[in-house]
Amino acid sequence: MESFNQFLLSLDGMLGSAAWFPYVLLGVGLFFTLYLGFPQIRYFKHAWLVVSGKLDKKGAPGDTTHFQALTTALSGTVGTGNIGGVAFAIFLGGPAALFWMWATAFLGMTTKFVEVTLSHKYRVKTEDGTMAGGPMYYMDRRLNMKWLAVAFAIATVISSFGTGNLPQINNIAQGMQATFGLEPMLTGGVLAVLLGLVILGGIHRIAKVTSKIVPFMSVLYVIGALAVILYNVENIGPAFASVISDAFTGSAAAGGFLGATIAYAFNRGVNRGLFSNEAGQGSAPIAHAAAKADEPVSEGMVSILEPFIDTIIICTLTGLVILSSGVWKEKFDNEFERADMMILAGQYEEQRDEDRHQLFLYLNKEEGHSVETFNGKIEVVAGKAVSRGFTIINARSIAEEVVFSVDAKEDLYTGTLNVVDGRLQKDNILVSGKSLVHSAQLTTLAFTRGFFGDYGQYIVSIGLLLFAFSTAIAWSYYGDRAMTYLLGPRSVMPYRVFYVAGFFWASFSDTTLVWNLAAVAIVVMTLPNLFGIMVLHKEMKETVNEYWRDFKDKQAKDKA
């Protein structure tokens, strides 16, 4: 697993974490924002009118209402990215990461408008009478690029596991274990059965379930977040100030947080922003293709609301909870995951400026540091290291009060541990102590720093359960539409079986491994879609202009 994780990190380094990717993603959004005249602002009010159903036409083809399409797409985006993803971004890049998530969402509102409009325009009715759409259909039917459509559909199937399936249940199981002490395998087993029961009903059952879950879970989460933000109201001003200022200076060391460069915060913020709102990824168009509408632009306008609700509102609340509570720079007792842990040669201390500077350069992948990984042996007696000459880094922080145990924390280890290139060679050794934490665990801790006290963690656990479960439901639909395109309707049932099985497996697998898999899958799906919508930029503008001409003509006739 560790070798596979390193392989995923290498891929991510060439794709989502590469310096060029954020510029491509934001560049496409910026281009369409200017080219279409800031549609995310000009059409925002109109989008709410469409969602309300006031502009609906009777007999319009489709399977779901505008609202159901929106909630299905939102259930695919409002998930662990809003709870664990925001925490992960701040953990990596500091407060500045939230600023770049905002920028990604603002430009992403336009990107989503474009991809949904074009995908809805070229949707088809399948053999079973349901609607099917998504970027693969405009790539095939309009661009005549069957190869690109097939590549996108394959990437969608992979991404349905890497984005909507594996990280969702992983975060649910982690949260339920931390809060209620439930075994991850038990959580995964129960929810896998429920997932199977829902997705077997197809888009009609999926739409009914998500249209109930999304509003309820959003209200619950907002109440819990405000309880923390208002409790720490004196920290809101400094939190906002740090988000803005750090975006242009980088985040300095604070507490256990060793700092982040501008480039690192920018990359992580954009990357996590995409994971959260999926603008440009091409997933939401698949849900919107089922909407009852004969004007593609009207459904595209509905999608403008998704990044706004998902990132501008919900992710901002999560970010303010984490920043105002201060937990992002505090160390907590936790069990170290191997993928998060590295053993360095030499002894480093946070109190020494030069040590912090060296670790800052090393962790941010900057040149000029002299940090090297440790190779050698560590002597341990009753769980405590008695040899010197090394430093354990866990979750990008210097670990403290480290304890080595065998299989269970109660069985303290005594003996010699071999370390090669900073990695322990014994798989059965558990390492625990104090360090920074990330993902859902960090958000859970932040929610205990409000008016609800320790009960706040239950809001996160329930919110995480509902958010992530609904995301898994929505992504199963994205995957089965991609399978329908690739192999026909008969391939859907085998896909659903594998989807549910993967959901169960991920409940007890390594969290960092899952997040790294998701990071790779997202980019593999995004690039073909961004290419496709750029090629069709002129058609997009013509389609929008035609919509407004027809809309104004209809208004004139109604008045007459």
Protein backbone atom coordinates (compact mmCIF):
# COMPACT_ATOMS: atom_id res chain seq x y z
CA MET A 1 0.00 0.00 0.00
CA GLU A 2 2.84 2.38 0.80
CA SER A 3 4.37 1.80 -2.65
CA PHE A 4 0.98 2.42 -4.29
CA ASN A 5 0.62 5.59 -2.25
CA GLN A 6 4.01 6.82 -3.47
CA PHE A 7 2.94 6.06 -7.04
CA LEU A 8 -0.23 8.14 -6.55
CA LEU A 9 1.82 10.99 -5.10
CA SER A 10 4.09 10.89 -8.16
CA LEU A 11 1.07 11.04 -10.48
CA ASP A 12 -0.47 13.86 -8.46
CA GLY A 13 2.83 15.71 -8.67
CA MET A 14 2.61 15.62 -12.47
CA LEU A 15 -1.13 16.45 -12.54
CA GLY A 16 -3.19 18.15 -9.81
CA SER A 17 -0.23 19.26 -7.70
CA ALA A 18 1.80 20.39 -10.69
CA ALA A 19 2.37 24.13 -11.02
CA TRP A 20 0.50 24.32 -14.35
CA PHE A 21 -2.82 22.75 -13.31
CA PRO A 22 -4.30 25.58 -11.17
CA TYR A 23 -3.56 28.05 -13.98
CA VAL A 24 -5.35 25.87 -16.52
CA LEU A 25 -8.40 25.44 -14.29
CA LEU A 26 -8.66 29.09 -13.27
CA GLY A 27 -7.66 30.25 -16.73
CA VAL A 28 -10.64 28.53 -18.36
CA GLY A 29 -12.99 29.98 -15.74
CA LEU A 30 -11.50 33.46 -16.16
CA PHE A 31 -11.74 33.25 -19.95
CA PHE A 32 -15.45 32.37 -19.92
CA THR A 33 -16.16 34.90 -17.17
CA LEU A 34 -14.80 37.69 -19.38
CA TYR A 35 -16.02 36.22 -22.67
CA LEU A 36 -19.62 35.86 -21.43
CA GLY A 37 -19.62 39.07 -19.40
CA PHE A 38 -19.62 37.80 -15.80
CA PRO A 39 -22.65 35.47 -16.04
CA GLN A 40 -22.19 34.36 -12.41
CA ILE A 41 -23.24 37.88 -11.38
CA ARG A 42 -25.63 38.90 -14.18
CA TYR A 43 -27.64 35.66 -14.19
CA PHE A 44 -27.58 34.92 -10.47
CA LYS A 45 -31.09 36.23 -9.76
CA HIS A 46 -32.52 34.57 -12.86
CA ALA A 47 -31.05 31.25 -11.74
CA TRP A 48 -33.17 31.35 -8.58
CA LEU A 49 -36.28 31.98 -10.68
CA VAL A 50 -35.53 28.89 -12.77
CA VAL A 51 -34.98 26.72 -9.67
CA SER A 52 -38.25 27.91 -8.15
CA GLY A 53 -40.14 26.42 -11.08
CA LYS A 54 -41.79 29.72 -12.06
CA LEU A 55 -40.38 29.48 -15.59
CA ASP A 56 -41.14 25.78 -16.13
CA LYS A 57 -42.83 24.60 -19.31
CA LYS A 58 -45.35 21.76 -19.15
CA GLY A 59 -44.31 18.66 -21.04
CA ALA A 60 -40.62 19.55 -21.20
CA PRO A 61 -38.52 16.39 -21.70
CA GLY A 62 -36.57 15.03 -18.75
CA ASP A 63 -36.70 12.91 -15.61
CA THR A 64 -36.35 15.42 -12.75
CA THR A 65 -37.34 18.98 -11.84
CA HIS A 66 -34.80 21.82 -11.83
CA PHE A 67 -34.72 21.68 -8.03
CA GLN A 68 -34.17 17.91 -7.98
CA ALA A 69 -31.39 18.24 -10.55
CA LEU A 70 -29.78 20.95 -8.43
CA THR A 71 -30.01 18.93 -5.21
CA THR A 72 -28.71 15.80 -6.95
CA ALA A 73 -25.73 17.75 -8.30
CA LEU A 74 -25.25 19.45 -4.92
CA SER A 75 -25.33 16.10 -3.17
CA GLY A 76 -22.47 15.15 -5.46
CA THR A 77 -20.45 18.24 -4.52
CA VAL A 78 -21.47 18.93 -0.90
CA GLY A 79 -19.59 16.13 0.78
CA THR A 80 -16.29 15.45 2.48
CA GLY A 81 -14.74 18.32 0.51
CA ASN A 82 -16.79 20.73 2.62
CA ILE A 83 -15.83 19.12 5.93
CA GLY A 84 -12.59 17.21 5.44
CA GLY A 85 -11.39 18.93 2.27
CA VAL A 86 -11.42 22.47 3.67
CA ALA A 87 -9.61 21.26 6.78
CA PHE A 88 -7.06 19.47 4.60
CA ALA A 89 -6.47 22.62 2.53
CA ILE A 90 -5.91 24.80 5.62
CA PHE A 91 -3.73 22.10 7.18
CA LEU A 92 -1.51 22.17 4.08
CA GLY A 93 -1.57 25.82 3.03
CA GLY A 94 -2.74 27.77 6.06
CA PRO A 95 -5.49 30.44 5.98
CA ALA A 96 -4.54 31.52 2.44
CA ALA A 97 -5.84 28.22 1.05
CA LEU A 98 -9.40 29.39 1.82
CA PHE A 99 -8.90 32.50 -0.32
CA TRP A 100 -7.94 30.38 -3.31
CA MET A 101 -10.94 28.15 -2.71
CA TRP A 102 -13.10 31.29 -3.01
CA ALA A 103 -11.37 32.29 -6.24
CA THR A 104 -11.87 28.80 -7.64
CA ALA A 105 -15.57 28.91 -6.73
CA PHE A 106 -16.21 32.36 -8.22
CA LEU A 107 -14.66 31.47 -11.56
CA GLY A 108 -16.07 27.95 -11.24
CA MET A 109 -19.61 29.34 -11.27
CA THR A 110 -19.04 30.33 -14.90
CA THR A 111 -17.23 27.12 -15.79
CA LYS A 112 -20.12 25.07 -14.47
CA PHE A 113 -22.63 27.23 -16.35
CA VAL A 114 -20.81 26.45 -19.59
CA GLU A 115 -20.27 22.71 -19.10
CA VAL A 116 -23.86 22.10 -17.97
CA THR A 117 -25.37 24.10 -20.84
CA LEU A 118 -23.37 22.29 -23.52
CA SER A 119 -23.94 18.86 -21.99
CA HIS A 120 -27.68 19.43 -21.64
CA LYS A 121 -27.86 20.57 -25.26
CA TYR A 122 -26.49 17.27 -26.56
CA ARG A 123 -28.17 14.82 -24.15
CA VAL A 124 -29.97 11.72 -25.49
CA LYS A 125 -32.81 9.42 -24.48
CA THR A 126 -31.56 5.90 -23.74
CA GLU A 127 -33.11 2.52 -24.52
CA ASP A 128 -34.82 2.41 -21.12
CA GLY A 129 -36.46 5.80 -21.69
CA THR A 130 -34.31 7.83 -19.29
CA MET A 131 -32.19 10.84 -20.24
CA ALA A 132 -28.41 10.55 -20.46
CA GLY A 133 -26.01 13.41 -20.82
CA GLY A 134 -22.66 14.75 -19.82
CA PRO A 135 -19.49 15.96 -21.55
CA MET A 136 -19.04 12.62 -23.32
CA TYR A 137 -22.16 13.34 -25.38
CA TYR A 138 -21.13 16.78 -26.65
CA MET A 139 -17.64 15.40 -27.32
CA ASP A 140 -19.17 12.61 -29.39
CA ARG A 141 -22.19 14.26 -31.04
CA ARG A 142 -20.82 17.78 -31.57
CA LEU A 143 -17.04 17.55 -31.64
CA ASN A 144 -17.01 14.16 -33.39
CA MET A 145 -14.24 13.10 -31.01
CA LYS A 146 -15.35 9.63 -30.03
CA TRP A 147 -11.93 8.89 -28.58
CA LEU A 148 -12.13 11.90 -26.26
CA ALA A 149 -15.67 10.99 -25.21
CA VAL A 150 -14.57 7.44 -24.39
CA ALA A 151 -11.56 8.75 -22.44
CA PHE A 152 -13.81 11.08 -20.46
CA ALA A 153 -16.36 8.34 -19.73
CA ILE A 154 -13.63 5.99 -18.51
CA ALA A 155 -12.23 8.78 -16.33
CA THR A 156 -15.75 9.37 -14.97
CA VAL A 157 -16.06 5.74 -13.91
CA ILE A 158 -12.66 5.91 -12.20
CA SER A 159 -13.55 9.25 -10.63
CA SER A 160 -16.85 7.89 -9.35
CA PHE A 161 -14.73 5.73 -7.07
CA GLY A 162 -11.91 8.21 -6.44
CA THR A 163 -14.15 11.23 -5.84
CA GLY A 164 -17.64 10.11 -4.90
CA ASN A 165 -17.13 6.74 -3.32
CA LEU A 166 -13.89 5.92 -1.51
CA PRO A 167 -13.10 9.21 0.28
CA GLN A 168 -16.75 9.68 1.28
CA ILE A 169 -17.19 6.47 3.27
CA ASN A 170 -13.63 6.74 4.56
CA ASN A 171 -14.43 10.08 6.19
CA ILE A 172 -17.80 8.81 7.45
CA ALA A 173 -16.17 5.80 9.12
CA GLN A 174 -13.38 7.94 10.59
CA GLY A 175 -15.88 10.40 12.02
CA MET A 176 -18.22 7.74 13.42
CA GLN A 177 -15.31 5.96 15.09
CA ALA A 178 -13.95 9.16 16.62
CA THR A 179 -17.35 10.29 17.89
CA PHE A 180 -19.28 7.12 18.70
CA GLY A 181 -16.53 4.48 18.87
CA LEU A 182 -18.08 2.45 16.02
CA GLU A 183 -15.80 0.09 14.12
CA PRO A 184 -15.20 1.35 10.55
CA MET A 185 -16.07 -2.03 9.07
CA LEU A 186 -19.46 -2.00 10.82
CA THR A 187 -20.20 1.53 9.59
CA GLY A 188 -19.13 0.60 6.08
CA GLY A 189 -21.22 -2.57 6.05
CA VAL A 190 -24.45 -0.91 7.16
CA LEU A 191 -24.11 2.06 4.82
CA ALA A 192 -23.10 -0.14 1.88
CA VAL A 193 -26.41 -1.98 2.20
CA LEU A 194 -28.34 1.32 2.34
CA LEU A 195 -26.39 2.65 -0.64
CA GLY A 196 -27.28 -0.41 -2.66
CA LEU A 197 -30.99 -0.05 -1.84
CA VAL A 198 -31.01 3.59 -3.00
CA ILE A 199 -29.03 3.35 -6.23
CA LEU A 200 -30.96 0.33 -7.49
CA GLY A 201 -33.94 2.65 -7.93
CA GLY A 202 -32.13 4.76 -10.54
CA ILE A 203 -32.39 8.52 -11.01
CA HIS A 204 -36.00 8.81 -9.80
CA ARG A 205 -35.23 7.33 -6.37
CA ILE A 206 -31.87 9.11 -6.21
CA ALA A 207 -33.50 12.48 -6.93
CA LYS A 208 -36.20 11.91 -4.29
CA VAL A 209 -33.66 10.95 -1.62
CA THR A 210 -31.20 13.78 -2.34
CA SER A 211 -33.94 16.43 -2.54
CA LYS A 212 -34.80 15.55 1.08
CA ILE A 213 -31.27 15.07 2.45
CA VAL A 214 -29.52 18.14 0.98
CA PRO A 215 -31.74 20.89 2.52
CA PHE A 216 -31.87 19.16 5.92
CA MET A 217 -28.14 18.52 6.18
CA SER A 218 -27.26 22.05 5.03
CA VAL A 219 -29.42 23.71 7.70
CA LEU A 220 -28.05 21.40 10.41
CA TYR A 221 -24.46 22.10 9.44
CA VAL A 222 -24.95 25.87 9.23
CA ILE A 223 -26.43 25.93 12.76
CA GLY A 224 -23.49 23.98 14.15
CA ALA A 225 -20.95 26.17 12.36
CA LEU A 226 -22.52 29.41 13.54
CA ALA A 227 -22.47 28.08 17.11
CA VAL A 228 -18.66 27.94 16.90
CA ILE A 229 -18.15 31.14 14.90
CA LEU A 230 -20.31 33.26 17.22
CA TYR A 231 -18.68 31.70 20.29
CA ASN A 232 -15.29 32.82 18.95
CA VAL A 233 -16.60 36.03 17.43
CA GLU A 234 -13.55 38.03 18.54
CA ASN A 235 -11.41 35.86 16.24
CA ILE A 236 -13.51 36.36 13.09
CA GLY A 237 -11.85 39.65 12.10
CA PRO A 238 -8.30 38.28 12.48
CA ALA A 239 -9.34 35.09 10.67
CA PHE A 240 -10.65 37.00 7.64
CA ALA A 241 -7.59 39.26 7.71
CA SER A 242 -5.23 36.27 7.68
CA VAL A 243 -7.10 34.68 4.76
CA ILE A 244 -6.68 37.82 2.65
CA SER A 245 -3.19 38.84 3.71
CA ASP A 246 -1.67 35.34 3.63
CA ALA A 247 -2.91 34.87 0.06
CA PHE A 248 -0.23 37.35 -1.03
CA THR A 249 2.49 36.69 1.54
CA GLY A 250 2.20 33.01 2.45
CA SER A 251 1.34 31.74 5.93
CA ALA A 252 3.96 32.13 8.67
CA ALA A 253 4.60 29.51 11.33
CA ALA A 254 1.98 29.50 14.09
CA GLY A 255 1.90 27.02 16.95
CA GLY A 256 2.56 23.56 15.55
CA PHE A 257 1.96 24.80 11.99
CA LEU A 258 5.35 25.28 10.34
CA GLY A 259 4.21 27.65 7.59
CA ALA A 260 3.33 27.54 3.91
CA THR A 261 4.51 29.46 0.84
CA ILE A 262 2.20 31.45 -1.45
CA ALA A 263 2.65 28.86 -4.20
CA TYR A 264 1.85 25.94 -1.90
CA ALA A 265 -1.29 27.61 -0.50
CA PHE A 266 -2.39 28.59 -4.02
CA ASN A 267 -1.99 25.07 -5.36
CA ARG A 268 -3.66 23.38 -2.40
CA GLY A 269 -6.53 25.88 -2.29
CA VAL A 270 -7.34 25.50 -5.98
CA ASN A 271 -6.96 21.73 -5.80
CA ARG A 272 -9.27 21.40 -2.80
CA GLY A 273 -11.65 23.95 -4.29
CA LEU A 274 -12.07 21.75 -7.34
CA PHE A 275 -12.58 18.68 -5.15
CA SER A 276 -15.30 20.54 -3.27
CA ASN A 277 -17.36 22.20 -6.03
CA GLU A 278 -16.23 20.08 -9.02
CA ALA A 279 -16.49 23.05 -11.42
CA GLY A 280 -14.80 22.01 -14.64
CA GLN A 281 -14.70 18.35 -13.71
CA GLY A 282 -17.72 17.53 -15.86
CA SER A 283 -19.63 15.61 -13.20
CA ALA A 284 -22.55 17.96 -12.49
CA PRO A 285 -23.63 18.09 -16.17
CA ILE A 286 -24.54 14.41 -15.91
CA ALA A 287 -27.09 15.15 -13.17
CA HIS A 288 -28.42 18.27 -14.87
CA ALA A 289 -28.93 16.38 -18.12
CA ALA A 290 -31.90 14.65 -16.47
CA ALA A 291 -33.73 17.93 -15.76
CA LYS A 292 -37.05 18.69 -17.44
CA ALA A 293 -36.13 21.56 -19.73
CA ASP A 294 -35.98 22.27 -23.44
CA GLU A 295 -33.65 25.28 -23.07
CA PRO A 296 -30.13 24.10 -22.15
CA VAL A 297 -29.14 27.58 -20.94
CA SER A 298 -31.85 27.60 -18.27
CA GLU A 299 -30.39 24.46 -16.72
CA GLY A 300 -26.91 25.92 -17.05
CA MET A 301 -28.05 28.90 -14.99
CA VAL A 302 -29.29 26.57 -12.25
CA SER A 303 -25.76 25.15 -11.99
CA ILE A 304 -24.33 28.62 -11.29
CA LEU A 305 -25.78 28.26 -7.79
CA GLU A 306 -23.79 25.11 -6.98
CA PRO A 307 -20.29 26.56 -6.38
CA PHE A 308 -21.92 29.47 -4.55
CA ILE A 309 -23.78 27.20 -2.10
CA ASP A 310 -21.05 24.59 -1.90
CA THR A 311 -17.93 26.73 -1.55
CA ILE A 312 -18.82 30.38 -0.96
CA ILE A 313 -21.27 29.46 1.82
CA ILE A 314 -20.58 26.00 3.27
CA CYS A 315 -16.80 25.82 2.78
CA THR A 316 -16.42 29.35 4.13
CA LEU A 317 -18.34 28.39 7.26
CA THR A 318 -16.07 25.37 7.75
CA GLY A 319 -12.97 27.48 7.20
CA LEU A 320 -14.07 30.13 9.69
CA VAL A 321 -14.89 27.45 12.27
CA ILE A 322 -11.38 26.01 11.94
CA LEU A 323 -9.57 29.36 11.89
CA SER A 324 -11.58 31.11 14.63
CA SER A 325 -11.30 28.12 16.98
CA GLY A 326 -7.52 27.93 16.50
CA VAL A 327 -7.38 24.14 16.20
CA TRP A 328 -5.54 24.25 12.86
CA LYS A 329 -2.28 25.16 14.63
CA GLU A 330 -2.69 22.98 17.75
CA LYS A 331 -1.29 19.51 18.38
CA PHE A 332 -3.58 16.69 19.54
CA ASP A 333 -3.15 13.11 20.66
CA ASN A 334 -3.62 10.83 17.66
CA GLU A 335 -2.42 7.65 16.03
CA PHE A 336 0.06 8.37 13.26
CA GLU A 337 -0.71 7.01 9.80
CA ARG A 338 2.39 5.82 7.95
CA ALA A 339 1.65 7.99 4.92
CA ASP A 340 1.63 11.10 7.17
CA MET A 341 4.79 10.21 9.09
CA MET A 342 8.41 10.80 8.15
CA ILE A 343 11.55 10.31 10.29
CA LEU A 344 14.25 12.90 9.63
CA ALA A 345 17.96 12.81 10.45
CA GLY A 346 18.95 15.21 13.23
CA GLN A 347 16.99 16.77 16.06
CA TYR A 348 14.76 19.71 15.22
CA GLU A 349 12.93 21.96 17.67
CA GLU A 350 10.10 24.39 17.02
CA GLN A 351 11.65 26.94 19.38
CA ARG A 352 14.72 27.36 17.14
CA ASP A 353 14.17 29.77 14.25
CA GLU A 354 16.68 28.03 11.99
CA ASP A 355 15.04 24.63 12.57
CA ARG A 356 11.62 26.02 11.69
CA HIS A 357 13.06 27.64 8.57
CA GLN A 358 14.70 24.40 7.41
CA LEU A 359 11.51 22.40 7.95
CA PHE A 360 9.48 25.13 6.24
CA LEU A 361 11.60 24.79 3.10
CA TYR A 362 11.48 20.99 3.25
CA LEU A 363 7.72 20.68 3.75
CA ASN A 364 6.94 23.25 1.05
CA LYS A 365 9.29 21.53 -1.41
CA GLU A 366 11.52 24.58 -1.68
CA GLU A 367 15.24 24.54 -2.40
CA GLY A 368 17.94 25.61 0.07
CA HIS A 369 17.30 23.22 2.96
CA SER A 370 19.69 20.66 4.41
CA VAL A 371 17.02 18.28 5.72
CA GLU A 372 17.65 14.57 5.10
CA THR A 373 15.64 11.47 5.88
CA PHE A 374 16.87 9.18 8.65
CA ASN A 375 18.52 5.84 7.96
CA GLY A 376 19.46 3.64 10.87
CA LYS A 377 18.10 2.05 14.02
CA ILE A 378 15.93 3.38 16.84
CA GLU A 379 16.21 1.75 20.23
CA VAL A 380 12.90 1.60 22.09
CA VAL A 381 12.22 0.65 25.73
CA ALA A 382 8.65 0.34 27.05
CA GLY A 383 7.30 2.31 24.10
CA LYS A 384 9.75 5.23 24.36
CA ALA A 385 12.72 5.87 22.08
CA VAL A 386 15.97 5.96 24.06
CA SER A 387 18.30 6.64 21.11
CA ARG A 388 18.77 10.13 19.64
CA GLY A 389 19.71 11.74 16.36
CA PHE A 390 16.31 11.80 14.65
CA THR A 391 13.04 13.77 14.55
CA ILE A 392 9.61 12.35 13.83
CA ILE A 393 7.45 14.53 11.60
CA ASN A 394 3.76 13.66 11.52
CA ALA A 395 1.07 15.60 9.66
CA ARG A 396 3.62 18.28 8.71
CA SER A 397 4.50 19.00 12.35
CA ILE A 398 7.13 17.93 14.87
CA ALA A 399 5.64 15.02 16.80
CA GLU A 400 5.73 15.07 20.60
CA GLU A 401 5.29 12.46 23.35
CA VAL A 402 5.73 9.67 20.81
CA VAL A 403 4.85 6.12 21.87
CA PHE A 404 5.61 2.90 19.98
CA SER A 405 3.31 -0.08 20.52
CA VAL A 406 2.58 -3.44 18.96
CA ASP A 407 -0.83 -3.98 17.31
CA ALA A 408 -2.64 -2.38 20.25
CA LYS A 409 -1.70 0.78 22.17
CA GLU A 410 -1.61 -1.12 25.46
CA ASP A 411 1.17 -3.45 24.27
CA LEU A 412 4.22 -1.17 24.50
CA TYR A 413 7.11 -2.07 22.25
CA THR A 414 10.65 -2.82 23.41
CA GLY A 415 13.39 -3.54 20.91
CA THR A 416 15.09 -2.14 17.82
CA LEU A 417 13.30 -0.49 14.90
CA ASN A 418 14.92 -0.27 11.48
CA VAL A 419 14.36 2.91 9.47
CA VAL A 420 15.11 3.21 5.74
CA ASP A 421 14.68 6.56 3.95
CA GLY A 422 12.66 7.89 6.86
CA ARG A 423 10.19 4.99 6.93
CA LEU A 424 9.69 2.35 9.61
CA GLN A 425 10.23 -1.16 8.28
CA LYS A 426 8.00 -3.01 10.75
CA ASP A 427 4.36 -2.99 9.67
CA ASN A 428 2.87 -4.10 13.00
CA ILE A 429 4.22 -1.13 14.98
CA LEU A 430 1.69 1.52 15.95
CA VAL A 431 3.05 5.04 16.49
CA SER A 432 1.04 7.60 18.45
CA GLY A 433 1.64 10.95 20.10
CA LYS A 434 0.84 14.64 19.68
CA SER A 435 0.88 16.36 16.30
CA LEU A 436 -1.30 18.44 14.02
CA VAL A 437 -4.32 16.63 12.58
CA HIS A 438 -6.16 17.13 9.32
CA SER A 439 -9.28 16.28 7.29
CA ALA A 440 -12.52 15.44 9.09
CA GLN A 441 -10.75 14.95 12.42
CA LEU A 442 -9.63 18.59 12.43
CA THR A 443 -13.13 19.88 11.64
CA THR A 444 -14.60 17.65 14.35
CA LEU A 445 -12.25 19.12 16.94
CA ALA A 446 -13.10 22.65 15.80
CA PHE A 447 -16.82 22.06 16.29
CA THR A 448 -16.22 21.30 19.98
CA ARG A 449 -14.99 24.89 20.52
CA GLY A 450 -18.43 26.51 20.42
CA PHE A 451 -21.70 26.90 22.36
CA PHE A 452 -22.45 23.18 22.05
CA GLY A 453 -19.10 22.15 23.56
CA ASP A 454 -18.27 18.48 23.05
CA TYR A 455 -21.74 17.92 21.60
CA GLY A 456 -20.59 19.88 18.55
CA GLN A 457 -18.71 16.83 17.33
CA TYR A 458 -22.03 15.05 16.84
CA ILE A 459 -23.12 17.72 14.35
CA VAL A 460 -19.98 17.07 12.33
CA SER A 461 -20.47 13.31 12.49
CA ILE A 462 -24.11 13.50 11.43
CA GLY A 463 -23.36 16.16 8.82
CA LEU A 464 -20.46 14.12 7.50
CA LEU A 465 -22.65 11.03 7.36
CA LEU A 466 -25.38 12.81 5.38
CA PHE A 467 -23.06 14.89 3.20
CA ALA A 468 -20.79 12.03 2.24
CA PHE A 469 -23.54 9.43 1.84
CA SER A 470 -25.51 11.69 -0.49
CA THR A 471 -22.33 12.34 -2.49
CA ALA A 472 -21.81 8.61 -2.90
CA ILE A 473 -25.41 8.30 -4.12
CA ALA A 474 -25.00 11.05 -6.72
CA TRP A 475 -21.68 9.73 -8.00
CA SER A 476 -23.11 6.27 -8.49
CA TYR A 477 -25.47 7.89 -11.00
CA TYR A 478 -22.59 9.67 -12.74
CA GLY A 479 -20.74 6.37 -13.03
CA ASP A 480 -23.71 4.42 -14.33
CA ARG A 481 -24.40 7.09 -17.02
CA ALA A 482 -20.77 6.77 -18.09
CA MET A 483 -21.10 2.98 -18.21
CA THR A 484 -24.30 3.37 -20.24
CA TYR A 485 -22.37 5.43 -22.77
CA LEU A 486 -19.46 2.99 -22.88
CA LEU A 487 -21.14 -0.42 -22.81
CA GLY A 488 -24.89 0.15 -22.78
CA PRO A 489 -27.59 -0.21 -20.07
CA ARG A 490 -26.69 -3.86 -19.32
CA SER A 491 -23.35 -2.77 -17.86
CA VAL A 492 -25.00 -0.64 -15.15
CA MET A 493 -25.85 -3.43 -12.70
CA PRO A 494 -22.31 -4.95 -12.56
CA TYR A 495 -20.96 -1.42 -12.08
CA ARG A 496 -23.31 -0.81 -9.15
CA VAL A 497 -22.18 -4.04 -7.49
CA PHE A 498 -18.51 -3.01 -7.74
CA TYR A 499 -19.42 0.48 -6.57
CA VAL A 500 -21.05 -0.81 -3.39
CA ALA A 501 -18.17 -3.25 -2.77
CA GLY A 502 -15.62 -0.41 -3.11
CA PHE A 503 -17.69 1.70 -0.74
CA PHE A 504 -17.44 -1.02 1.90
CA TRP A 505 -13.69 -1.58 1.40
CA ALA A 506 -12.78 2.10 1.71
CA SER A 507 -14.44 2.34 5.13
CA PHE A 508 -11.42 0.69 6.76
CA SER A 509 -8.55 1.64 4.40
CA ASP A 510 -5.80 4.26 4.85
CA THR A 511 -7.26 7.79 4.70
CA THR A 512 -4.26 9.48 3.12
CA LEU A 513 -4.13 6.83 0.39
CA VAL A 514 -7.79 7.49 -0.41
CA TRP A 515 -7.32 11.26 -0.60
CA ASN A 516 -4.34 10.83 -2.94
CA LEU A 517 -6.37 8.53 -5.20
CA ALA A 518 -9.13 11.12 -5.33
CA ALA A 519 -6.67 13.88 -6.25
CA VAL A 520 -5.44 11.93 -9.29
CA ALA A 521 -8.91 10.83 -10.45
CA ILE A 522 -10.27 14.39 -10.42
CA VAL A 523 -7.62 15.75 -12.78
CA VAL A 524 -7.84 12.81 -15.18
CA MET A 525 -11.54 13.65 -15.60
CA THR A 526 -11.18 17.44 -15.67
CA LEU A 527 -8.68 18.00 -18.47
CA PRO A 528 -10.72 16.50 -21.36
CA ASN A 529 -13.78 18.49 -20.26
CA LEU A 530 -11.89 21.80 -20.10
CA PHE A 531 -10.50 21.13 -23.56
CA GLY A 532 -13.97 20.37 -24.94
CA ILE A 533 -15.72 23.47 -23.62
CA MET A 534 -12.90 25.71 -24.84
CA VAL A 535 -13.29 24.34 -28.35
CA LEU A 536 -17.04 25.14 -28.21
CA HIS A 537 -16.70 28.64 -26.75
CA LYS A 538 -18.30 30.37 -29.77
CA GLU A 539 -21.27 28.00 -29.78
CA MET A 540 -21.73 28.62 -26.06
CA LYS A 541 -22.01 32.37 -26.60
CA GLU A 542 -24.45 31.92 -29.49
CA THR A 543 -26.59 29.56 -27.40
CA VAL A 544 -26.77 32.08 -24.54
CA ASN A 545 -27.69 34.94 -26.88
CA GLU A 546 -30.40 32.81 -28.49
CA TYR A 547 -31.86 31.97 -25.08
CA TRP A 548 -32.18 35.64 -24.12
CA ARG A 549 -33.74 36.54 -27.47
CA ASP A 550 -36.38 33.83 -27.03
CA PHE A 551 -36.93 34.78 -23.40
CA LYS A 552 -37.49 38.44 -24.22
CA ASP A 553 -39.81 37.54 -27.13
CA LYS A 554 -41.87 35.36 -24.80
CA GLN A 555 -42.09 38.16 -22.23
CA ALA A 556 -43.25 40.58 -24.93
CA LYS A 557 -45.94 38.16 -26.09
CA ASP A 558 -47.15 37.59 -22.51
CA LYS A 559 -47.50 41.34 -21.99
CA ALA A 560 -49.35 41.71 -25.27
